[in-house]
Amino acid sequence: MNDQQTFNSLDSNYFKVMIVKRLIFILIILGVVAFGYFRIEPSKISGLAFILIGCGVLILSAIILFLAKFYFRNKKYRLFDKNLTYQEGVLVHNETVVPFSRIQHVEIDEGPLERYFSLATLSVYTAGDSGKDLKISGLRIDLAQEIKDYITNYIKDE
């Protein structure tokens, strides 16, 4: 890998994964509200309250789906010869730089939805007890494997 001066965006299929995950979350919340509507006695809470709660959930859902695009656009990574940098955040921007010399091992994870879209999550573990120090979701599986191999070869050569 060569030094790259610009940050790379995640695979465009990751945006689809983000939307599907958010829709599943929204459906669960709406299901809970609907369940409550039919299970709670009308004397304890009015139907108007459930309608207001449902409208609130729908408005919150629209906001969540709208912000997904901005969140996706702000997730970027950059691979240098000796470190991996990751940026994310909409309101609060976070940049994590992990030098290869501190990396203990690298893993590639795939959930069922990610596997369907041929995506993976690259998890980088560093020295110390902090756990996963860097997790980059939304990489093509072949690119994640290429980055993992590059880091692993660097660590072996050290």
C-alpha atoms as a PDB file:
ATOM      1  CA  MET A   1       0.000   0.000   0.000  1.00  0.00           C
ATOM      2  CA  ASN A   2       1.207   3.483  -0.800  1.00  0.00           C
ATOM      3  CA  ASP A   3       0.694   6.650   1.163  1.00  0.00           C
ATOM      4  CA  GLN A   4      -2.687   8.077   0.332  1.00  0.00           C
ATOM      5  CA  GLN A   5      -3.185  11.783   0.948  1.00  0.00           C
ATOM      6  CA  THR A   6      -6.977  11.677   0.822  1.00  0.00           C
ATOM      7  CA  PHE A   7      -9.453   9.743   2.888  1.00  0.00           C
ATOM      8  CA  ASN A   8     -11.358   6.886   1.259  1.00  0.00           C
ATOM      9  CA  SER A   9     -15.109   6.550   1.569  1.00  0.00           C
ATOM     10  CA  LEU A  10     -16.748   3.327   2.592  1.00  0.00           C
ATOM     11  CA  ASP A  11     -18.465   1.094   0.039  1.00  0.00           C
ATOM     12  CA  SER A  12     -21.793   2.511  -1.164  1.00  0.00           C
ATOM     13  CA  ASN A  13     -23.559  -0.739  -0.203  1.00  0.00           C
ATOM     14  CA  TYR A  14     -22.815   0.126   3.420  1.00  0.00           C
ATOM     15  CA  PHE A  15     -25.349   2.951   3.167  1.00  0.00           C
ATOM     16  CA  LYS A  16     -27.969   0.323   2.273  1.00  0.00           C
ATOM     17  CA  VAL A  17     -26.933  -1.732   5.307  1.00  0.00           C
ATOM     18  CA  MET A  18     -27.264   1.350   7.514  1.00  0.00           C
ATOM     19  CA  ILE A  19     -30.761   2.084   6.185  1.00  0.00           C
ATOM     20  CA  VAL A  20     -31.933  -1.524   6.612  1.00  0.00           C
ATOM     21  CA  LYS A  21     -30.639  -1.641  10.202  1.00  0.00           C
ATOM     22  CA  ARG A  22     -32.376   1.645  11.010  1.00  0.00           C
ATOM     23  CA  LEU A  23     -35.627   0.435   9.436  1.00  0.00           C
ATOM     24  CA  ILE A  24     -35.516  -2.746  11.520  1.00  0.00           C
ATOM     25  CA  PHE A  25     -34.994  -0.631  14.654  1.00  0.00           C
ATOM     26  CA  ILE A  26     -37.917   1.636  13.692  1.00  0.00           C
ATOM     27  CA  LEU A  27     -40.196  -1.347  13.032  1.00  0.00           C
ATOM     28  CA  ILE A  28     -39.369  -2.792  16.448  1.00  0.00           C
ATOM     29  CA  ILE A  29     -40.171   0.516  18.163  1.00  0.00           C
ATOM     30  CA  LEU A  30     -43.439   0.862  16.219  1.00  0.00           C
ATOM     31  CA  GLY A  31     -44.271  -2.742  17.121  1.00  0.00           C
ATOM     32  CA  VAL A  32     -43.757  -1.991  20.809  1.00  0.00           C
ATOM     33  CA  VAL A  33     -46.015   1.077  20.546  1.00  0.00           C
ATOM     34  CA  ALA A  34     -48.688  -0.920  18.687  1.00  0.00           C
ATOM     35  CA  PHE A  35     -48.444  -3.750  21.215  1.00  0.00           C
ATOM     36  CA  GLY A  36     -48.880  -1.241  24.024  1.00  0.00           C
ATOM     37  CA  TYR A  37     -51.865   0.294  22.288  1.00  0.00           C
ATOM     38  CA  PHE A  38     -53.688  -3.022  22.188  1.00  0.00           C
ATOM     39  CA  ARG A  39     -52.500  -4.360  25.563  1.00  0.00           C
ATOM     40  CA  ILE A  40     -52.918  -1.378  27.896  1.00  0.00           C
ATOM     41  CA  GLU A  41     -56.400  -0.724  29.185  1.00  0.00           C
ATOM     42  CA  PRO A  42     -57.982   2.463  27.781  1.00  0.00           C
ATOM     43  CA  SER A  43     -58.673   3.677  31.326  1.00  0.00           C
ATOM     44  CA  LYS A  44     -54.920   3.846  32.091  1.00  0.00           C
ATOM     45  CA  ILE A  45     -53.839   5.829  29.026  1.00  0.00           C
ATOM     46  CA  SER A  46     -55.832   7.466  26.275  1.00  0.00           C
ATOM     47  CA  GLY A  47     -55.774   6.572  22.598  1.00  0.00           C
ATOM     48  CA  LEU A  48     -54.665  10.143  21.877  1.00  0.00           C
ATOM     49  CA  ALA A  49     -51.501   9.537  23.911  1.00  0.00           C
ATOM     50  CA  PHE A  50     -50.668   6.517  21.751  1.00  0.00           C
ATOM     51  CA  ILE A  51     -51.306   8.496  18.594  1.00  0.00           C
ATOM     52  CA  LEU A  52     -48.953  11.218  19.849  1.00  0.00           C
ATOM     53  CA  ILE A  53     -46.341   8.624  20.778  1.00  0.00           C
ATOM     54  CA  GLY A  54     -46.697   6.996  17.339  1.00  0.00           C
ATOM     55  CA  CYS A  55     -46.333  10.374  15.604  1.00  0.00           C
ATOM     56  CA  GLY A  56     -43.279  11.125  17.729  1.00  0.00           C
ATOM     57  CA  VAL A  57     -41.740   7.796  16.752  1.00  0.00           C
ATOM     58  CA  LEU A  58     -42.443   8.478  13.067  1.00  0.00           C
ATOM     59  CA  ILE A  59     -40.876  11.950  13.265  1.00  0.00           C
ATOM     60  CA  LEU A  60     -37.856  10.552  15.096  1.00  0.00           C
ATOM     61  CA  SER A  61     -37.641   7.807  12.466  1.00  0.00           C
ATOM     62  CA  ALA A  62     -37.594  10.352   9.648  1.00  0.00           C
ATOM     63  CA  ILE A  63     -34.797  12.249  11.394  1.00  0.00           C
ATOM     64  CA  ILE A  64     -32.808   9.042  11.935  1.00  0.00           C
ATOM     65  CA  LEU A  65     -33.129   8.082   8.272  1.00  0.00           C
ATOM     66  CA  PHE A  66     -32.298  11.619   7.118  1.00  0.00           C
ATOM     67  CA  LEU A  67     -29.142  11.789   9.249  1.00  0.00           C
ATOM     68  CA  ALA A  68     -27.949   8.378   7.991  1.00  0.00           C
ATOM     69  CA  LYS A  69     -26.712   9.975   4.752  1.00  0.00           C
ATOM     70  CA  PHE A  70     -24.596  12.530   6.628  1.00  0.00           C
ATOM     71  CA  TYR A  71     -23.294   9.885   9.000  1.00  0.00           C
ATOM     72  CA  PHE A  72     -22.329   7.662   6.046  1.00  0.00           C
ATOM     73  CA  ARG A  73     -20.565  10.505   4.192  1.00  0.00           C
ATOM     74  CA  ASN A  74     -18.444  11.345   7.237  1.00  0.00           C
ATOM     75  CA  LYS A  75     -17.104   7.819   7.803  1.00  0.00           C
ATOM     76  CA  LYS A  76     -13.743   7.618   6.019  1.00  0.00           C
ATOM     77  CA  TYR A  77     -10.438   5.827   6.359  1.00  0.00           C
ATOM     78  CA  ARG A  78      -6.879   6.316   5.144  1.00  0.00           C
ATOM     79  CA  LEU A  79      -4.078   3.764   5.035  1.00  0.00           C
ATOM     80  CA  PHE A  80      -0.512   5.025   5.309  1.00  0.00           C
ATOM     81  CA  ASP A  81       2.684   3.013   5.213  1.00  0.00           C
ATOM     82  CA  LYS A  82       2.843   2.883   9.024  1.00  0.00           C
ATOM     83  CA  ASN A  83      -0.645   3.688  10.336  1.00  0.00           C
ATOM     84  CA  LEU A  84      -4.368   3.475   9.745  1.00  0.00           C
ATOM     85  CA  THR A  85      -6.557   6.557  10.232  1.00  0.00           C
ATOM     86  CA  TYR A  86     -10.331   6.600  10.596  1.00  0.00           C
ATOM     87  CA  GLN A  87     -12.706   9.585  10.697  1.00  0.00           C
ATOM     88  CA  GLU A  88     -16.362   9.632  11.661  1.00  0.00           C
ATOM     89  CA  GLY A  89     -19.052  11.849  13.107  1.00  0.00           C
ATOM     90  CA  VAL A  90     -21.728  14.313  12.081  1.00  0.00           C
ATOM     91  CA  LEU A  91     -21.873  16.864  14.890  1.00  0.00           C
ATOM     92  CA  VAL A  92     -18.793  15.665  16.744  1.00  0.00           C
ATOM     93  CA  HIS A  93     -15.958  14.609  14.471  1.00  0.00           C
ATOM     94  CA  ASN A  94     -13.624  11.904  15.705  1.00  0.00           C
ATOM     95  CA  GLU A  95     -10.326  10.895  14.119  1.00  0.00           C
ATOM     96  CA  THR A  96      -8.483   7.787  15.285  1.00  0.00           C
ATOM     97  CA  VAL A  97      -4.914   7.060  14.223  1.00  0.00           C
ATOM     98  CA  VAL A  98      -3.538   3.593  14.952  1.00  0.00           C
ATOM     99  CA  PRO A  99       0.190   3.057  14.313  1.00  0.00           C
ATOM    100  CA  PHE A 100       0.946  -0.418  13.016  1.00  0.00           C
ATOM    101  CA  SER A 101       3.673  -0.790  15.664  1.00  0.00           C
ATOM    102  CA  ARG A 102       0.970  -0.865  18.389  1.00  0.00           C
ATOM    103  CA  ILE A 103      -1.310  -3.387  16.688  1.00  0.00           C
ATOM    104  CA  GLN A 104      -1.578  -6.822  18.306  1.00  0.00           C
ATOM    105  CA  HIS A 105      -3.911  -8.423  15.777  1.00  0.00           C
ATOM    106  CA  VAL A 106      -6.565  -7.692  13.166  1.00  0.00           C
ATOM    107  CA  GLU A 107      -9.931  -9.402  12.617  1.00  0.00           C
ATOM    108  CA  ILE A 108     -12.512  -9.364   9.873  1.00  0.00           C
ATOM    109  CA  ASP A 109     -16.143  -9.764  10.922  1.00  0.00           C
ATOM    110  CA  GLU A 110     -19.222 -10.261   8.747  1.00  0.00           C
ATOM    111  CA  GLY A 111     -22.815 -10.209   9.901  1.00  0.00           C
ATOM    112  CA  PRO A 112     -25.575 -11.751   7.786  1.00  0.00           C
ATOM    113  CA  LEU A 113     -26.625  -8.410   6.309  1.00  0.00           C
ATOM    114  CA  GLU A 114     -23.029  -7.421   5.581  1.00  0.00           C
ATOM    115  CA  ARG A 115     -22.353 -10.815   4.025  1.00  0.00           C
ATOM    116  CA  TYR A 116     -25.345 -10.343   1.709  1.00  0.00           C
ATOM    117  CA  PHE A 117     -23.799  -7.094   0.427  1.00  0.00           C
ATOM    118  CA  SER A 118     -20.218  -8.560   0.362  1.00  0.00           C
ATOM    119  CA  LEU A 119     -19.084  -6.212   3.122  1.00  0.00           C
ATOM    120  CA  ALA A 120     -17.036  -6.692   6.254  1.00  0.00           C
ATOM    121  CA  THR A 121     -15.900  -4.944   9.417  1.00  0.00           C
ATOM    122  CA  LEU A 122     -12.179  -4.598  10.064  1.00  0.00           C
ATOM    123  CA  SER A 123     -11.389  -4.675  13.796  1.00  0.00           C
ATOM    124  CA  VAL A 124      -7.930  -3.615  14.927  1.00  0.00           C
ATOM    125  CA  TYR A 125      -6.697  -4.516  18.416  1.00  0.00           C
ATOM    126  CA  THR A 126      -3.755  -2.662  19.943  1.00  0.00           C
ATOM    127  CA  ALA A 127      -1.493  -3.228  22.928  1.00  0.00           C
ATOM    128  CA  GLY A 128      -3.183  -2.630  26.279  1.00  0.00           C
ATOM    129  CA  ASP A 129      -6.525  -3.639  27.692  1.00  0.00           C
ATOM    130  CA  SER A 130      -8.739  -1.195  25.814  1.00  0.00           C
ATOM    131  CA  GLY A 131     -10.287  -3.877  23.572  1.00  0.00           C
ATOM    132  CA  LYS A 132     -11.105  -2.968  19.984  1.00  0.00           C
ATOM    133  CA  ASP A 133      -9.285   0.264  19.381  1.00  0.00           C
ATOM    134  CA  LEU A 134     -10.522   0.688  15.840  1.00  0.00           C
ATOM    135  CA  LYS A 135     -13.493  -0.768  14.018  1.00  0.00           C
ATOM    136  CA  ILE A 136     -14.168   0.105  10.375  1.00  0.00           C
ATOM    137  CA  SER A 137     -17.485  -1.176   9.062  1.00  0.00           C
ATOM    138  CA  GLY A 138     -18.553  -1.038   5.440  1.00  0.00           C
ATOM    139  CA  LEU A 139     -15.421  -2.222   3.656  1.00  0.00           C
ATOM    140  CA  ARG A 140     -15.680  -4.570   0.703  1.00  0.00           C
ATOM    141  CA  ILE A 141     -14.633  -8.010   1.922  1.00  0.00           C
ATOM    142  CA  ASP A 142     -11.694  -8.198  -0.496  1.00  0.00           C
ATOM    143  CA  LEU A 143     -10.464  -4.735   0.550  1.00  0.00           C
ATOM    144  CA  ALA A 144     -10.776  -5.608   4.243  1.00  0.00           C
ATOM    145  CA  GLN A 145      -8.723  -8.760   3.615  1.00  0.00           C
ATOM    146  CA  GLU A 146      -6.131  -6.750   1.669  1.00  0.00           C
ATOM    147  CA  ILE A 147      -5.764  -4.219   4.508  1.00  0.00           C
ATOM    148  CA  LYS A 148      -5.564  -7.031   7.074  1.00  0.00           C
ATOM    149  CA  ASP A 149      -2.844  -8.801   5.063  1.00  0.00           C
ATOM    150  CA  TYR A 150      -0.887  -5.549   4.674  1.00  0.00           C
ATOM    151  CA  ILE A 151      -0.989  -4.845   8.423  1.00  0.00           C
ATOM    152  CA  THR A 152      -0.191  -8.462   9.301  1.00  0.00           C
ATOM    153  CA  ASN A 153       2.830  -8.471   6.972  1.00  0.00           C
ATOM    154  CA  TYR A 154       4.044  -5.182   8.496  1.00  0.00           C
ATOM    155  CA  ILE A 155       3.752  -6.638  12.006  1.00  0.00           C
ATOM    156  CA  LYS A 156       5.622  -9.806  10.958  1.00  0.00           C
ATOM    157  CA  ASP A 157       8.461  -7.767   9.457  1.00  0.00           C
ATOM    158  CA  GLU A 158       8.900  -5.659  12.604  1.00  0.00           C
END
